[in-house]
């Protein structure tokens, strides 16, 4: 379906750019939107795939025993923990200093919050 979406959109764009009739462009664009609407990503794959947590990570975010969470859910819970404990750097909020509970995962040094994924990858498994 994706190749069809690309082809239809490309045709629509070419017609629009080269000045052919607007009616033809509108029809192709409608076909593209209908095709796009029917195509849905499968649940439980990619970012939304539930993963097993390491013991340290599960303790940190308060997950139940053998609970599986997706990456975005883990990051969301870590952000909640950071804000609750006020661990963000007050001058530059994109950095945080790990406390004793976070040190097995993030180490002792100041960490950039947007680089947290590289620390999490060893604690999330299939």
Protein backbone atom coordinates (compact mmCIF):
# COMPACT_ATOMS: atom_id res chain seq x y z
CA UNK A 1 0.00 0.00 0.00
CA UNK A 2 2.84 2.40 0.74
CA UNK A 3 4.24 2.31 -2.78
CA UNK A 4 0.75 3.09 -4.07
CA UNK A 5 0.45 6.02 -1.66
CA UNK A 6 3.76 7.42 -2.83
CA UNK A 7 2.86 6.98 -6.51
CA UNK A 8 -0.52 8.64 -6.14
CA UNK A 9 0.89 11.52 -4.11
CA UNK A 10 3.73 11.99 -6.59
CA UNK A 11 1.23 12.13 -9.46
CA UNK A 12 -0.91 14.61 -7.53
CA UNK A 13 2.09 16.79 -6.79
CA UNK A 14 3.35 16.68 -10.38
CA UNK A 15 -0.06 17.63 -11.71
CA UNK A 16 -0.32 20.46 -9.20
CA UNK A 17 3.13 21.82 -9.98
CA UNK A 18 2.79 21.60 -13.75
CA UNK A 19 -0.61 23.33 -13.77
CA UNK A 20 -2.96 20.61 -15.03
CA UNK A 21 -6.60 20.76 -14.06
CA UNK A 22 -7.37 21.21 -10.39
CA UNK A 23 -10.17 18.65 -10.61
CA UNK A 24 -7.74 15.88 -11.57
CA UNK A 25 -5.42 16.94 -8.74
CA UNK A 26 -8.26 16.86 -6.24
CA UNK A 27 -9.28 13.34 -7.32
CA UNK A 28 -5.76 11.98 -6.96
CA UNK A 29 -5.35 13.70 -3.59
CA UNK A 30 -8.64 12.16 -2.41
CA UNK A 31 -7.42 8.71 -3.51
CA UNK A 32 -4.19 9.30 -1.58
CA UNK A 33 -6.06 10.31 1.59
CA UNK A 34 -8.40 7.29 1.39
CA UNK A 35 -5.45 4.95 0.94
CA UNK A 36 -3.61 6.63 3.81
CA UNK A 37 -6.67 6.35 6.06
CA UNK A 38 -7.02 2.61 5.43
CA UNK A 39 -3.36 1.92 6.23
CA UNK A 40 -2.72 1.54 9.97
CA UNK A 41 0.43 0.59 11.79
CA UNK A 42 0.10 -2.73 13.61
CA UNK A 43 -0.19 -2.32 17.36
CA UNK A 44 2.59 -3.72 19.49
CA UNK A 45 5.38 -3.09 17.02
CA UNK A 46 8.15 -0.53 16.75
CA UNK A 47 8.03 2.07 19.51
CA UNK A 48 4.84 0.69 21.03
CA UNK A 49 6.23 -2.81 21.48
CA UNK A 50 6.12 -3.88 25.16
CA UNK A 51 9.60 -4.70 26.47
CA UNK A 52 10.94 -6.45 29.57
CA UNK A 53 12.55 -4.16 32.13
CA UNK A 54 15.71 -4.80 34.12
CA UNK A 55 15.34 -5.03 37.90
CA UNK A 56 17.00 -1.62 38.44
CA UNK A 57 14.77 0.13 35.89
CA UNK A 58 11.61 -1.52 37.23
CA UNK A 59 12.48 -0.34 40.76
CA UNK A 60 13.16 3.18 39.53
CA UNK A 61 9.89 3.69 37.67
CA UNK A 62 7.72 1.66 40.03
CA UNK A 63 6.74 -1.08 37.62
CA UNK A 64 5.13 -4.26 38.90
CA UNK A 65 6.97 -7.58 38.77
CA UNK A 66 7.18 -8.91 35.18
CA UNK A 67 5.36 -5.84 33.82
CA UNK A 68 6.21 -5.01 30.21
CA UNK A 69 6.29 -1.38 29.10
CA UNK A 70 6.96 0.40 25.82
CA UNK A 71 9.87 2.82 25.44
CA UNK A 72 7.69 5.94 25.46
CA UNK A 73 5.96 4.79 28.65
CA UNK A 74 9.33 4.19 30.34
CA UNK A 75 10.59 7.65 29.34
CA UNK A 76 7.32 9.21 30.52
CA UNK A 77 7.69 7.59 33.95
CA UNK A 78 11.34 8.64 34.22
CA UNK A 79 10.36 12.24 33.45
CA UNK A 80 7.70 12.04 36.17
CA UNK A 81 10.35 10.74 38.61
CA UNK A 82 12.77 13.53 37.66
CA UNK A 83 10.16 16.21 38.22
CA UNK A 84 8.88 14.66 41.45
CA UNK A 85 12.40 14.52 42.97
CA UNK A 86 13.41 17.87 41.39
CA UNK A 87 16.55 16.42 39.82
CA UNK A 88 16.63 18.72 36.78
CA UNK A 89 19.37 21.33 36.62
CA UNK A 90 17.63 24.64 37.48
CA UNK A 91 19.80 26.64 35.05
CA UNK A 92 19.52 24.24 32.10
CA UNK A 93 16.49 21.97 32.39
CA UNK A 94 17.61 19.59 29.65
CA UNK A 95 20.19 18.17 32.08
CA UNK A 96 19.61 16.19 35.26
CA UNK A 97 21.80 14.79 38.01
CA UNK A 98 21.03 11.13 38.86
CA UNK A 99 20.29 10.31 42.49
CA UNK A 100 21.37 7.07 44.23
CA UNK A 101 18.41 5.12 42.83
CA UNK A 102 19.21 6.20 39.25
CA UNK A 103 22.99 5.63 39.36
CA UNK A 104 22.93 1.94 38.26
CA UNK A 105 21.24 3.06 35.05
CA UNK A 106 22.64 6.53 34.30
CA UNK A 107 25.90 6.68 36.24
CA UNK A 108 27.01 9.49 38.58
CA UNK A 109 27.65 12.35 36.17
CA UNK A 110 25.18 14.93 34.89
CA UNK A 111 23.14 13.51 31.99
CA UNK A 112 21.42 15.23 29.09
CA UNK A 113 17.79 14.16 29.26
CA UNK A 114 17.39 13.80 25.49
CA UNK A 115 20.29 11.32 25.45
CA UNK A 116 18.61 9.09 28.00
CA UNK A 117 17.74 6.44 25.38
CA UNK A 118 21.34 5.25 25.06
CA UNK A 119 21.38 4.50 28.79
CA UNK A 120 18.03 2.70 28.63
CA UNK A 121 18.83 0.36 25.74
CA UNK A 122 20.74 -2.08 27.96
CA UNK A 123 17.85 -2.21 30.46
CA UNK A 124 15.09 -2.92 27.91
CA UNK A 125 14.95 -6.37 26.30
CA UNK A 126 12.49 -8.29 24.12
